[in-house]
PDB file of N, CA and C in Angstrom:
ATOM      1  N   MET A   1      84.348 -40.307 -44.843  1.00  0.00           N
ATOM      2  CA  MET A   1      84.089 -39.065 -45.491  1.00  0.00           C
ATOM      3  C   MET A   1      84.902 -38.021 -44.809  1.00  0.00           C
ATOM      4  N   GLN A   2      85.547 -37.173 -45.632  1.00  0.00           N
ATOM      5  CA  GLN A   2      86.492 -36.180 -45.117  1.00  0.00           C
ATOM      6  C   GLN A   2      85.655 -34.880 -44.716  1.00  0.00           C
ATOM      7  N   PRO A   3      85.943 -34.216 -43.679  1.00  0.00           N
ATOM      8  CA  PRO A   3      85.172 -33.007 -43.333  1.00  0.00           C
ATOM      9  C   PRO A   3      85.405 -31.927 -44.391  1.00  0.00           C
ATOM     10  N   ARG A   4      84.498 -31.086 -44.638  1.00  0.00           N
ATOM     11  CA  ARG A   4      84.600 -30.018 -45.483  1.00  0.00           C
ATOM     12  C   ARG A   4      85.508 -28.856 -45.010  1.00  0.00           C
ATOM     13  N   PHE A   5      86.106 -28.154 -45.853  1.00  0.00           N
ATOM     14  CA  PHE A   5      87.046 -27.058 -45.497  1.00  0.00           C
ATOM     15  C   PHE A   5      86.246 -26.038 -44.840  1.00  0.00           C
ATOM     16  N   ASN A   6      86.692 -25.460 -43.612  1.00  0.00           N
ATOM     17  CA  ASN A   6      86.069 -24.452 -42.966  1.00  0.00           C
ATOM     18  C   ASN A   6      86.654 -23.132 -43.278  1.00  0.00           C
ATOM     19  N   PHE A   7      86.020 -22.402 -44.221  1.00  0.00           N
ATOM     20  CA  PHE A   7      86.447 -21.042 -44.726  1.00  0.00           C
ATOM     21  C   PHE A   7      86.508 -20.044 -43.419  1.00  0.00           C
ATOM     22  N   GLY A   8      85.661 -20.142 -42.633  1.00  0.00           N
ATOM     23  CA  GLY A   8      85.508 -19.146 -41.438  1.00  0.00           C
ATOM     24  C   GLY A   8      86.626 -19.277 -40.594  1.00  0.00           C
ATOM     25  N   LYS A   9      87.139 -20.388 -40.431  1.00  0.00           N
ATOM     26  CA  LYS A   9      88.437 -20.585 -39.483  1.00  0.00           C
ATOM     27  C   LYS A   9      89.654 -20.336 -40.312  1.00  0.00           C
ATOM     28  N   ALA A  10      89.660 -20.668 -41.584  1.00  0.00           N
ATOM     29  CA  ALA A  10      90.893 -20.462 -42.264  1.00  0.00           C
ATOM     30  C   ALA A  10      91.251 -18.948 -42.622  1.00  0.00           C
ATOM     31  N   SER A  11      90.263 -18.187 -42.854  1.00  0.00           N
ATOM     32  CA  SER A  11      90.417 -16.767 -43.150  1.00  0.00           C
ATOM     33  C   SER A  11      89.074 -16.016 -42.669  1.00  0.00           C
ATOM     34  N   PRO A  12      88.976 -15.761 -41.482  1.00  0.00           N
ATOM     35  CA  PRO A  12      87.805 -15.024 -40.886  1.00  0.00           C
ATOM     36  C   PRO A  12      87.441 -13.665 -41.595  1.00  0.00           C
ATOM     37  N   ASP A  13      88.490 -12.937 -41.888  1.00  0.00           N
ATOM     38  CA  ASP A  13      88.297 -11.678 -42.610  1.00  0.00           C
ATOM     39  C   ASP A  13      87.712 -11.805 -43.970  1.00  0.00           C
ATOM     40  N   SER A  14      88.168 -12.829 -44.714  1.00  0.00           N
ATOM     41  CA  SER A  14      87.670 -13.054 -46.090  1.00  0.00           C
ATOM     42  C   SER A  14      86.271 -13.496 -45.987  1.00  0.00           C
ATOM     43  N   TYR A  15      85.982 -14.415 -45.073  1.00  0.00           N
ATOM     44  CA  TYR A  15      84.665 -14.974 -44.926  1.00  0.00           C
ATOM     45  C   TYR A  15      83.653 -13.880 -44.500  1.00  0.00           C
ATOM     46  N   LYS A  16      84.074 -12.975 -43.649  1.00  0.00           N
ATOM     47  CA  LYS A  16      83.109 -11.746 -43.307  1.00  0.00           C
ATOM     48  C   LYS A  16      82.908 -10.885 -44.504  1.00  0.00           C
ATOM     49  N   ALA A  17      83.981 -10.697 -45.374  1.00  0.00           N
ATOM     50  CA  ALA A  17      83.746  -9.833 -46.602  1.00  0.00           C
ATOM     51  C   ALA A  17      82.861 -10.539 -47.577  1.00  0.00           C
ATOM     52  N   VAL A  18      82.898 -11.785 -47.801  1.00  0.00           N
ATOM     53  CA  VAL A  18      82.042 -12.520 -48.662  1.00  0.00           C
ATOM     54  C   VAL A  18      80.665 -12.542 -48.096  1.00  0.00           C
ATOM     55  N   ALA A  19      80.477 -12.780 -46.808  1.00  0.00           N
ATOM     56  CA  ALA A  19      79.144 -12.661 -46.209  1.00  0.00           C
ATOM     57  C   ALA A  19      78.512 -11.322 -46.299  1.00  0.00           C
ATOM     58  N   ALA A  20      79.327 -10.261 -46.148  1.00  0.00           N
ATOM     59  CA  ALA A  20      78.845  -8.863 -46.329  1.00  0.00           C
ATOM     60  C   ALA A  20      78.419  -8.636 -47.802  1.00  0.00           C
ATOM     61  N   LEU A  21      79.193  -9.190 -48.754  1.00  0.00           N
ATOM     62  CA  LEU A  21      78.766  -8.993 -50.144  1.00  0.00           C
ATOM     63  C   LEU A  21      77.491  -9.730 -50.419  1.00  0.00           C
ATOM     64  N   ASP A  22      77.393 -10.903 -49.902  1.00  0.00           N
ATOM     65  CA  ASP A  22      76.118 -11.680 -50.124  1.00  0.00           C
ATOM     66  C   ASP A  22      74.852 -10.897 -49.547  1.00  0.00           C
ATOM     67  N   GLU A  23      75.107 -10.342 -48.336  1.00  0.00           N
ATOM     68  CA  GLU A  23      73.982  -9.636 -47.732  1.00  0.00           C
ATOM     69  C   GLU A  23      73.600  -8.408 -48.500  1.00  0.00           C
ATOM     70  N   HIS A  24      74.616  -7.721 -49.208  1.00  0.00           N
ATOM     71  CA  HIS A  24      74.338  -6.536 -49.937  1.00  0.00           C
ATOM     72  C   HIS A  24      73.468  -6.994 -51.138  1.00  0.00           C
ATOM     73  N   VAL A  25      73.930  -8.037 -51.814  1.00  0.00           N
ATOM     74  CA  VAL A  25      73.267  -8.546 -53.043  1.00  0.00           C
ATOM     75  C   VAL A  25      71.825  -8.971 -52.680  1.00  0.00           C
ATOM     76  N   GLN A  26      71.625  -9.561 -51.601  1.00  0.00           N
ATOM     77  CA  GLN A  26      70.156  -9.962 -51.213  1.00  0.00           C
ATOM     78  C   GLN A  26      69.383  -8.725 -50.989  1.00  0.00           C
ATOM     79  N   LYS A  27      69.958  -7.586 -50.587  1.00  0.00           N
ATOM     80  CA  LYS A  27      69.165  -6.394 -50.308  1.00  0.00           C
ATOM     81  C   LYS A  27      69.063  -5.400 -51.535  1.00  0.00           C
ATOM     82  N   CYS A  28      69.809  -5.741 -52.702  1.00  0.00           N
ATOM     83  CA  CYS A  28      69.985  -4.849 -53.768  1.00  0.00           C
ATOM     84  C   CYS A  28      68.693  -4.539 -54.651  1.00  0.00           C
ATOM     85  N   GLY A  29      67.605  -5.382 -54.381  1.00  0.00           N
ATOM     86  CA  GLY A  29      66.442  -5.178 -55.167  1.00  0.00           C
ATOM     87  C   GLY A  29      66.241  -6.098 -56.304  1.00  0.00           C
ATOM     88  N   LEU A  30      67.305  -6.933 -56.606  1.00  0.00           N
ATOM     89  CA  LEU A  30      67.106  -7.837 -57.603  1.00  0.00           C
ATOM     90  C   LEU A  30      66.206  -9.004 -57.089  1.00  0.00           C
ATOM     91  N   GLU A  31      65.476  -9.617 -57.991  1.00  0.00           N
ATOM     92  CA  GLU A  31      64.517 -10.786 -57.565  1.00  0.00           C
ATOM     93  C   GLU A  31      65.439 -11.997 -57.219  1.00  0.00           C
ATOM     94  N   ALA A  32      64.906 -12.726 -56.242  1.00  0.00           N
ATOM     95  CA  ALA A  32      65.725 -13.868 -55.693  1.00  0.00           C
ATOM     96  C   ALA A  32      66.022 -14.833 -56.728  1.00  0.00           C
ATOM     97  N   ARG A  33      65.078 -15.060 -57.660  1.00  0.00           N
ATOM     98  CA  ARG A  33      65.260 -16.051 -58.789  1.00  0.00           C
ATOM     99  C   ARG A  33      66.434 -15.584 -59.675  1.00  0.00           C
ATOM    100  N   TYR A  34      66.530 -14.313 -59.938  1.00  0.00           N
ATOM    101  CA  TYR A  34      67.779 -13.854 -60.744  1.00  0.00           C
ATOM    102  C   TYR A  34      69.082 -14.030 -59.976  1.00  0.00           C
ATOM    103  N   ILE A  35      68.948 -13.812 -58.662  1.00  0.00           N
ATOM    104  CA  ILE A  35      70.276 -14.030 -57.850  1.00  0.00           C
ATOM    105  C   ILE A  35      70.608 -15.415 -57.959  1.00  0.00           C
ATOM    106  N   HIS A  36      69.683 -16.252 -57.826  1.00  0.00           N
ATOM    107  CA  HIS A  36      69.988 -17.748 -57.881  1.00  0.00           C
ATOM    108  C   HIS A  36      70.640 -18.068 -59.260  1.00  0.00           C
ATOM    109  N   LEU A  37      69.966 -17.670 -60.349  1.00  0.00           N
ATOM    110  CA  LEU A  37      70.546 -17.887 -61.644  1.00  0.00           C
ATOM    111  C   LEU A  37      71.957 -17.377 -61.867  1.00  0.00           C
ATOM    112  N   ILE A  38      72.249 -16.290 -61.257  1.00  0.00           N
ATOM    113  CA  ILE A  38      73.569 -15.660 -61.396  1.00  0.00           C
ATOM    114  C   ILE A  38      74.612 -16.471 -60.610  1.00  0.00           C
ATOM    115  N   LYS A  39      74.252 -16.879 -59.452  1.00  0.00           N
ATOM    116  CA  LYS A  39      75.113 -17.798 -58.639  1.00  0.00           C
ATOM    117  C   LYS A  39      75.304 -19.117 -59.353  1.00  0.00           C
ATOM    118  N   LEU A  40      74.257 -19.632 -59.860  1.00  0.00           N
ATOM    119  CA  LEU A  40      74.391 -20.964 -60.651  1.00  0.00           C
ATOM    120  C   LEU A  40      75.309 -20.819 -61.903  1.00  0.00           C
ATOM    121  N   ARG A  41      75.158 -19.715 -62.665  1.00  0.00           N
ATOM    122  CA  ARG A  41      75.925 -19.484 -63.772  1.00  0.00           C
ATOM    123  C   ARG A  41      77.514 -19.267 -63.403  1.00  0.00           C
ATOM    124  N   ALA A  42      77.562 -18.578 -62.346  1.00  0.00           N
ATOM    125  CA  ALA A  42      79.029 -18.277 -61.853  1.00  0.00           C
ATOM    126  C   ALA A  42      79.693 -19.626 -61.415  1.00  0.00           C
ATOM    127  N   SER A  43      78.938 -20.518 -60.752  1.00  0.00           N
ATOM    128  CA  SER A  43      79.508 -21.822 -60.382  1.00  0.00           C
ATOM    129  C   SER A  43      79.732 -22.723 -61.607  1.00  0.00           C
ATOM    130  N   GLN A  44      78.997 -22.530 -62.626  1.00  0.00           N
ATOM    131  CA  GLN A  44      79.242 -23.239 -63.852  1.00  0.00           C
ATOM    132  C   GLN A  44      80.507 -22.756 -64.576  1.00  0.00           C
ATOM    133  N   ILE A  45      80.631 -21.465 -64.484  1.00  0.00           N
ATOM    134  CA  ILE A  45      81.904 -20.805 -65.220  1.00  0.00           C
ATOM    135  C   ILE A  45      83.112 -21.317 -64.390  1.00  0.00           C
ATOM    136  N   ASN A  46      82.940 -21.354 -63.008  1.00  0.00           N
ATOM    137  CA  ASN A  46      84.156 -21.804 -62.231  1.00  0.00           C
ATOM    138  C   ASN A  46      84.349 -23.296 -62.158  1.00  0.00           C
ATOM    139  N   GLY A  47      83.421 -23.966 -62.662  1.00  0.00           N
ATOM    140  CA  GLY A  47      83.650 -25.420 -62.787  1.00  0.00           C
ATOM    141  C   GLY A  47      83.334 -26.132 -61.435  1.00  0.00           C
ATOM    142  N   CYS A  48      82.505 -25.620 -60.702  1.00  0.00           N
ATOM    143  CA  CYS A  48      82.191 -26.063 -59.263  1.00  0.00           C
ATOM    144  C   CYS A  48      80.626 -26.320 -59.125  1.00  0.00           C
ATOM    145  N   ALA A  49      80.307 -27.172 -58.101  1.00  0.00           N
ATOM    146  CA  ALA A  49      78.922 -27.388 -57.923  1.00  0.00           C
ATOM    147  C   ALA A  49      78.251 -26.251 -57.031  1.00  0.00           C
ATOM    148  N   TYR A  50      77.060 -25.893 -57.361  1.00  0.00           N
ATOM    149  CA  TYR A  50      76.404 -24.820 -56.534  1.00  0.00           C
ATOM    150  C   TYR A  50      75.336 -25.662 -55.766  1.00  0.00           C
TER     151      TYR A  50
END
């Protein structure tokens, strides 16, 4: 099995920006179940597994 791509090493600044966005979304007041559904739908649109 091939190791997964390490985004943190490849682009630390981008990784920090995405982590900050996720932190903001978690604190925005939206219920966790809706955040999960949004992430699930975004992954479906992008054709990737969530």
